[in-house]
PDB file of all heavy atoms in Angstrom:
ATOM      1  N   VAL A   1       0.800  -1.165   0.035  1.00  0.00           N
ATOM      2  CA  VAL A   1      -0.016  -0.061  -0.032  1.00  0.00           C
ATOM      3  C   VAL A   1       0.889   1.210   0.012  1.00  0.00           C
ATOM      4  O   VAL A   1       1.807   1.276   0.798  1.00  0.00           O
ATOM      5  CB  VAL A   1      -0.945   0.016   1.223  1.00  0.00           C
ATOM      6  CG1 VAL A   1      -1.686   1.316   1.274  1.00  0.00           C
ATOM      7  CG2 VAL A   1      -1.901  -1.232   1.213  1.00  0.00           C
ATOM      8  N   VAL A   2       0.618   2.129  -0.923  1.00  0.00           N
ATOM      9  CA  VAL A   2       1.554   3.307  -1.037  1.00  0.00           C
ATOM     10  C   VAL A   2       0.684   4.623  -1.139  1.00  0.00           C
ATOM     11  O   VAL A   2      -0.504   4.573  -1.421  1.00  0.00           O
ATOM     12  CB  VAL A   2       2.406   3.211  -2.360  1.00  0.00           C
ATOM     13  CG1 VAL A   2       3.362   1.904  -2.183  1.00  0.00           C
ATOM     14  CG2 VAL A   2       1.589   3.156  -3.553  1.00  0.00           C
ATOM     15  N   LEU A   3       1.372   5.701  -0.964  1.00  0.00           N
ATOM     16  CA  LEU A   3       0.853   7.078  -1.236  1.00  0.00           C
ATOM     17  C   LEU A   3       1.586   7.571  -2.418  1.00  0.00           C
ATOM     18  O   LEU A   3       2.514   6.990  -2.966  1.00  0.00           O
ATOM     19  CB  LEU A   3       1.135   7.954  -0.051  1.00  0.00           C
ATOM     20  CG  LEU A   3       0.368   7.628   1.280  1.00  0.00           C
ATOM     21  CD1 LEU A   3       0.913   8.566   2.365  1.00  0.00           C
ATOM     22  CD2 LEU A   3      -1.101   7.721   1.098  1.00  0.00           C
ATOM     23  N   GLN A   4       1.143   8.701  -2.972  1.00  0.00           N
ATOM     24  CA  GLN A   4       1.802   9.358  -4.067  1.00  0.00           C
ATOM     25  C   GLN A   4       3.249   9.637  -3.735  1.00  0.00           C
ATOM     26  O   GLN A   4       3.576  10.056  -2.625  1.00  0.00           O
ATOM     27  CB  GLN A   4       1.096  10.580  -4.532  1.00  0.00           C
ATOM     28  CG  GLN A   4      -0.182  10.446  -5.288  1.00  0.00           C
ATOM     29  CD  GLN A   4       0.074   9.933  -6.703  1.00  0.00           C
ATOM     30  OE1 GLN A   4       1.160   9.863  -7.143  1.00  0.00           O
ATOM     31  NE2 GLN A   4      -1.098   9.632  -7.390  1.00  0.00           N
ATOM     32  N   PRO A   5       4.167   9.438  -4.588  1.00  0.00           N
ATOM     33  CA  PRO A   5       5.659   9.558  -4.285  1.00  0.00           C
ATOM     34  C   PRO A   5       5.944  11.078  -4.097  1.00  0.00           C
ATOM     35  O   PRO A   5       5.304  11.938  -4.637  1.00  0.00           O
ATOM     36  CB  PRO A   5       6.350   9.089  -5.483  1.00  0.00           C
ATOM     37  CG  PRO A   5       5.395   9.248  -6.629  1.00  0.00           C
ATOM     38  CD  PRO A   5       4.047   9.053  -6.022  1.00  0.00           C
ATOM     39  N   THR A   6       6.882  11.274  -3.147  1.00  0.00           N
ATOM     40  CA  THR A   6       7.362  12.608  -2.949  1.00  0.00           C
ATOM     41  C   THR A   6       8.920  12.654  -3.139  1.00  0.00           C
ATOM     42  O   THR A   6       9.459  11.627  -3.380  1.00  0.00           O
ATOM     43  CB  THR A   6       7.039  13.066  -1.500  1.00  0.00           C
ATOM     44  OG1 THR A   6       7.560  12.115  -0.552  1.00  0.00           O
ATOM     45  CG2 THR A   6       5.498  13.115  -1.302  1.00  0.00           C
ATOM     46  N   GLY A   7       9.459  13.795  -2.883  1.00  0.00           N
ATOM     47  CA  GLY A   7      10.913  13.850  -2.945  1.00  0.00           C
ATOM     48  C   GLY A   7      11.381  14.351  -4.360  1.00  0.00           C
ATOM     49  O   GLY A   7      10.651  14.645  -5.264  1.00  0.00           O
ATOM     50  N   PRO A   8      12.709  14.374  -4.544  1.00  0.00           N
ATOM     51  CA  PRO A   8      13.326  14.906  -5.714  1.00  0.00           C
ATOM     52  C   PRO A   8      13.134  13.907  -6.966  1.00  0.00           C
ATOM     53  O   PRO A   8      12.999  12.666  -6.765  1.00  0.00           O
ATOM     54  CB  PRO A   8      14.693  15.060  -5.426  1.00  0.00           C
ATOM     55  CG  PRO A   8      15.051  14.016  -4.373  1.00  0.00           C
ATOM     56  CD  PRO A   8      13.758  13.885  -3.615  1.00  0.00           C
ATOM     57  N   PHE A   9      13.200  14.506  -8.110  1.00  0.00           N
ATOM     58  CA  PHE A   9      13.319  13.636  -9.402  1.00  0.00           C
ATOM     59  C   PHE A   9      14.628  12.953  -9.351  1.00  0.00           C
ATOM     60  O   PHE A   9      15.718  13.499  -8.981  1.00  0.00           O
ATOM     61  CB  PHE A   9      13.098  14.526 -10.590  1.00  0.00           C
ATOM     62  CG  PHE A   9      11.825  14.974 -10.791  1.00  0.00           C
ATOM     63  CD1 PHE A   9      11.493  16.330 -10.681  1.00  0.00           C
ATOM     64  CD2 PHE A   9      10.745  14.125 -11.137  1.00  0.00           C
ATOM     65  CE1 PHE A   9      10.201  16.867 -10.900  1.00  0.00           C
ATOM     66  CE2 PHE A   9       9.462  14.610 -11.375  1.00  0.00           C
ATOM     67  CZ  PHE A   9       9.178  15.897 -11.215  1.00  0.00           C
ATOM     68  N   LYS A  10      14.657  11.728  -9.862  1.00  0.00           N
ATOM     69  CA  LYS A  10      15.781  10.931 -10.119  1.00  0.00           C
ATOM     70  C   LYS A  10      15.891  10.464 -11.506  1.00  0.00           C
ATOM     71  O   LYS A  10      14.942  10.422 -12.222  1.00  0.00           O
ATOM     72  CB  LYS A  10      15.840   9.707  -9.132  1.00  0.00           C
ATOM     73  CG  LYS A  10      15.882  10.092  -7.677  1.00  0.00           C
ATOM     74  CD  LYS A  10      16.077   8.809  -6.782  1.00  0.00           C
ATOM     75  CE  LYS A  10      16.159   9.185  -5.293  1.00  0.00           C
ATOM     76  NZ  LYS A  10      16.344   7.980  -4.466  1.00  0.00           N
ATOM     77  N   VAL A  11      17.093  10.024 -11.946  1.00  0.00           N
ATOM     78  CA  VAL A  11      17.324   9.608 -13.283  1.00  0.00           C
ATOM     79  C   VAL A  11      17.956   8.168 -13.271  1.00  0.00           C
ATOM     80  O   VAL A  11      18.821   7.908 -12.445  1.00  0.00           O
ATOM     81  CB  VAL A  11      18.167  10.534 -14.018  1.00  0.00           C
ATOM     82  CG1 VAL A  11      18.432  10.144 -15.527  1.00  0.00           C
ATOM     83  CG2 VAL A  11      17.679  11.938 -14.086  1.00  0.00           C
ATOM     84  N   ALA A  12      17.584   7.373 -14.184  1.00  0.00           N
ATOM     85  CA  ALA A  12      18.141   6.072 -14.324  1.00  0.00           C
ATOM     86  C   ALA A  12      18.212   5.647 -15.812  1.00  0.00           C
ATOM     87  O   ALA A  12      17.377   6.048 -16.681  1.00  0.00           O
ATOM     88  CB  ALA A  12      17.368   5.001 -13.552  1.00  0.00           C
ATOM     89  N   LYS A  13      19.199   4.831 -16.093  1.00  0.00           N
ATOM     90  CA  LYS A  13      19.272   4.274 -17.444  1.00  0.00           C
ATOM     91  C   LYS A  13      18.176   3.265 -17.715  1.00  0.00           C
ATOM     92  O   LYS A  13      17.695   2.592 -16.744  1.00  0.00           O
ATOM     93  CB  LYS A  13      20.617   3.687 -17.706  1.00  0.00           C
ATOM     94  CG  LYS A  13      21.789   4.555 -17.679  1.00  0.00           C
ATOM     95  CD  LYS A  13      23.105   3.916 -17.938  1.00  0.00           C
ATOM     96  CE  LYS A  13      24.337   4.866 -17.971  1.00  0.00           C
ATOM     97  NZ  LYS A  13      25.588   4.208 -18.171  1.00  0.00           N
ATOM     98  N   LEU A  14      17.823   3.063 -18.971  1.00  0.00           N
ATOM     99  CA  LEU A  14      16.757   2.113 -19.221  1.00  0.00           C
ATOM    100  C   LEU A  14      17.108   0.674 -18.752  1.00  0.00           C
ATOM    101  O   LEU A  14      16.249  -0.107 -18.364  1.00  0.00           O
ATOM    102  CB  LEU A  14      16.433   2.117 -20.708  1.00  0.00           C
ATOM    103  CG  LEU A  14      15.381   1.145 -21.211  1.00  0.00           C
ATOM    104  CD1 LEU A  14      14.023   1.587 -20.614  1.00  0.00           C
ATOM    105  CD2 LEU A  14      15.186   1.177 -22.720  1.00  0.00           C
ATOM    106  N   SER A  15      18.409   0.356 -18.800  1.00  0.00           N
ATOM    107  CA  SER A  15      18.781  -0.980 -18.425  1.00  0.00           C
ATOM    108  C   SER A  15      18.608  -1.227 -16.947  1.00  0.00           C
ATOM    109  O   SER A  15      18.629  -2.364 -16.364  1.00  0.00           O
ATOM    110  CB  SER A  15      20.309  -1.158 -18.673  1.00  0.00           C
ATOM    111  OG  SER A  15      21.077  -0.134 -18.045  1.00  0.00           O
ATOM    112  N   GLN A  16      18.403  -0.134 -16.117  1.00  0.00           N
ATOM    113  CA  GLN A  16      18.177  -0.310 -14.641  1.00  0.00           C
ATOM    114  C   GLN A  16      16.697  -0.551 -14.338  1.00  0.00           C
ATOM    115  O   GLN A  16      16.373  -0.960 -13.238  1.00  0.00           O
ATOM    116  CB  GLN A  16      18.559   0.972 -13.937  1.00  0.00           C
ATOM    117  CG  GLN A  16      20.056   1.278 -14.023  1.00  0.00           C
ATOM    118  CD  GLN A  16      20.353   2.591 -13.393  1.00  0.00           C
ATOM    119  OE1 GLN A  16      20.551   3.561 -14.099  1.00  0.00           O
ATOM    120  NE2 GLN A  16      20.596   2.683 -12.060  1.00  0.00           N
ATOM    121  N   VAL A  17      15.823  -0.513 -15.338  1.00  0.00           N
ATOM    122  CA  VAL A  17      14.325  -0.904 -15.182  1.00  0.00           C
ATOM    123  C   VAL A  17      14.177  -2.349 -15.255  1.00  0.00           C
ATOM    124  O   VAL A  17      14.563  -2.962 -16.273  1.00  0.00           O
ATOM    125  CB  VAL A  17      13.562  -0.161 -16.190  1.00  0.00           C
ATOM    126  CG1 VAL A  17      12.059  -0.512 -16.044  1.00  0.00           C
ATOM    127  CG2 VAL A  17      13.727   1.284 -16.243  1.00  0.00           C
ATOM    128  N   SER A  18      13.722  -2.959 -14.166  1.00  0.00           N
ATOM    129  CA  SER A  18      13.633  -4.385 -14.160  1.00  0.00           C
ATOM    130  C   SER A  18      12.231  -4.976 -14.620  1.00  0.00           C
ATOM    131  O   SER A  18      12.233  -5.873 -15.284  1.00  0.00           O
ATOM    132  CB  SER A  18      13.954  -4.924 -12.741  1.00  0.00           C
ATOM    133  OG  SER A  18      13.064  -4.382 -11.719  1.00  0.00           O
ATOM    134  N   HIS A  19      11.166  -4.316 -14.105  1.00  0.00           N
ATOM    135  CA  HIS A  19       9.845  -4.925 -14.463  1.00  0.00           C
ATOM    136  C   HIS A  19       8.784  -3.810 -14.192  1.00  0.00           C
ATOM    137  O   HIS A  19       9.043  -2.841 -13.563  1.00  0.00           O
ATOM    138  CB  HIS A  19       9.532  -6.155 -13.711  1.00  0.00           C
ATOM    139  CG  HIS A  19       9.418  -6.057 -12.209  1.00  0.00           C
ATOM    140  ND1 HIS A  19      10.462  -6.325 -11.431  1.00  0.00           N
ATOM    141  CD2 HIS A  19       8.439  -5.683 -11.432  1.00  0.00           C
ATOM    142  CE1 HIS A  19      10.134  -6.071 -10.153  1.00  0.00           C
ATOM    143  NE2 HIS A  19       8.846  -5.609 -10.104  1.00  0.00           N
ATOM    144  N   LYS A  20       7.633  -4.154 -14.810  1.00  0.00           N
ATOM    145  CA  LYS A  20       6.489  -3.190 -14.778  1.00  0.00           C
ATOM    146  C   LYS A  20       5.649  -3.545 -13.547  1.00  0.00           C
ATOM    147  O   LYS A  20       5.499  -4.679 -13.206  1.00  0.00           O
ATOM    148  CB  LYS A  20       5.726  -3.247 -16.009  1.00  0.00           C
ATOM    149  CG  LYS A  20       4.685  -2.104 -16.188  1.00  0.00           C
ATOM    150  CD  LYS A  20       4.120  -2.140 -17.672  1.00  0.00           C
ATOM    151  CE  LYS A  20       3.106  -0.929 -17.772  1.00  0.00           C
ATOM    152  NZ  LYS A  20       2.637  -0.883 -19.235  1.00  0.00           N
ATOM    153  N   CYS A  21       4.889  -2.540 -13.020  1.00  0.00           N
ATOM    154  CA  CYS A  21       4.003  -2.732 -11.952  1.00  0.00           C
ATOM    155  C   CYS A  21       2.558  -2.175 -12.232  1.00  0.00           C
ATOM    156  O   CYS A  21       2.457  -1.458 -13.198  1.00  0.00           O
ATOM    157  CB  CYS A  21       4.532  -2.128 -10.677  1.00  0.00           C
ATOM    158  SG  CYS A  21       6.162  -2.650 -10.084  1.00  0.00           S
ATOM    159  N   MET A  22       1.662  -2.581 -11.460  1.00  0.00           N
ATOM    160  CA  MET A  22       0.346  -2.020 -11.547  1.00  0.00           C
ATOM    161  C   MET A  22      -0.070  -1.293 -10.350  1.00  0.00           C
ATOM    162  O   MET A  22       0.219  -1.779  -9.175  1.00  0.00           O
ATOM    163  CB  MET A  22      -0.673  -3.185 -11.819  1.00  0.00           C
ATOM    164  CG  MET A  22      -2.072  -2.731 -12.047  1.00  0.00           C
ATOM    165  SD  MET A  22      -3.359  -4.109 -12.136  1.00  0.00           S
ATOM    166  CE  MET A  22      -2.826  -4.818 -13.608  1.00  0.00           C
ATOM    167  N   LEU A  23      -0.584  -0.124 -10.457  1.00  0.00           N
ATOM    168  CA  LEU A  23      -1.023   0.682  -9.293  1.00  0.00           C
ATOM    169  C   LEU A  23      -2.562   0.821  -9.364  1.00  0.00           C
ATOM    170  O   LEU A  23      -3.187   1.330 -10.314  1.00  0.00           O
ATOM    171  CB  LEU A  23      -0.416   2.100  -9.466  1.00  0.00           C
ATOM    172  CG  LEU A  23      -0.574   3.062  -8.309  1.00  0.00           C
ATOM    173  CD1 LEU A  23       0.351   2.608  -7.175  1.00  0.00           C
ATOM    174  CD2 LEU A  23      -0.163   4.409  -8.712  1.00  0.00           C
ATOM    175  N   LEU A  24      -3.227   0.386  -8.289  1.00  0.00           N
ATOM    176  CA  LEU A  24      -4.644   0.325  -8.242  1.00  0.00           C
ATOM    177  C   LEU A  24      -5.153   1.137  -7.034  1.00  0.00           C
ATOM    178  O   LEU A  24      -4.565   1.079  -5.950  1.00  0.00           O
ATOM    179  CB  LEU A  24      -5.139  -1.107  -8.026  1.00  0.00           C
ATOM    180  CG  LEU A  24      -4.802  -2.098  -9.241  1.00  0.00           C
ATOM    181  CD1 LEU A  24      -5.316  -3.492  -8.834  1.00  0.00           C
ATOM    182  CD2 LEU A  24      -5.483  -1.554 -10.521  1.00  0.00           C
ATOM    183  N   PRO A  25      -6.239   1.868  -7.182  1.00  0.00           N
ATOM    184  CA  PRO A  25      -6.765   2.763  -6.110  1.00  0.00           C
ATOM    185  C   PRO A  25      -7.409   1.773  -5.022  1.00  0.00           C
ATOM    186  O   PRO A  25      -8.010   0.880  -5.318  1.00  0.00           O
ATOM    187  CB  PRO A  25      -7.877   3.563  -6.754  1.00  0.00           C
ATOM    188  CG  PRO A  25      -8.255   2.803  -7.935  1.00  0.00           C
ATOM    189  CD  PRO A  25      -7.011   2.083  -8.420  1.00  0.00           C
TER     190      PRO A  25
END
């Protein structure tokens, strides 16, 4: 269970993305 993310923007290379997630209300 999560809230909307806060904090600074970050940057990553595409190779650092491992998998996709689903966000449901």
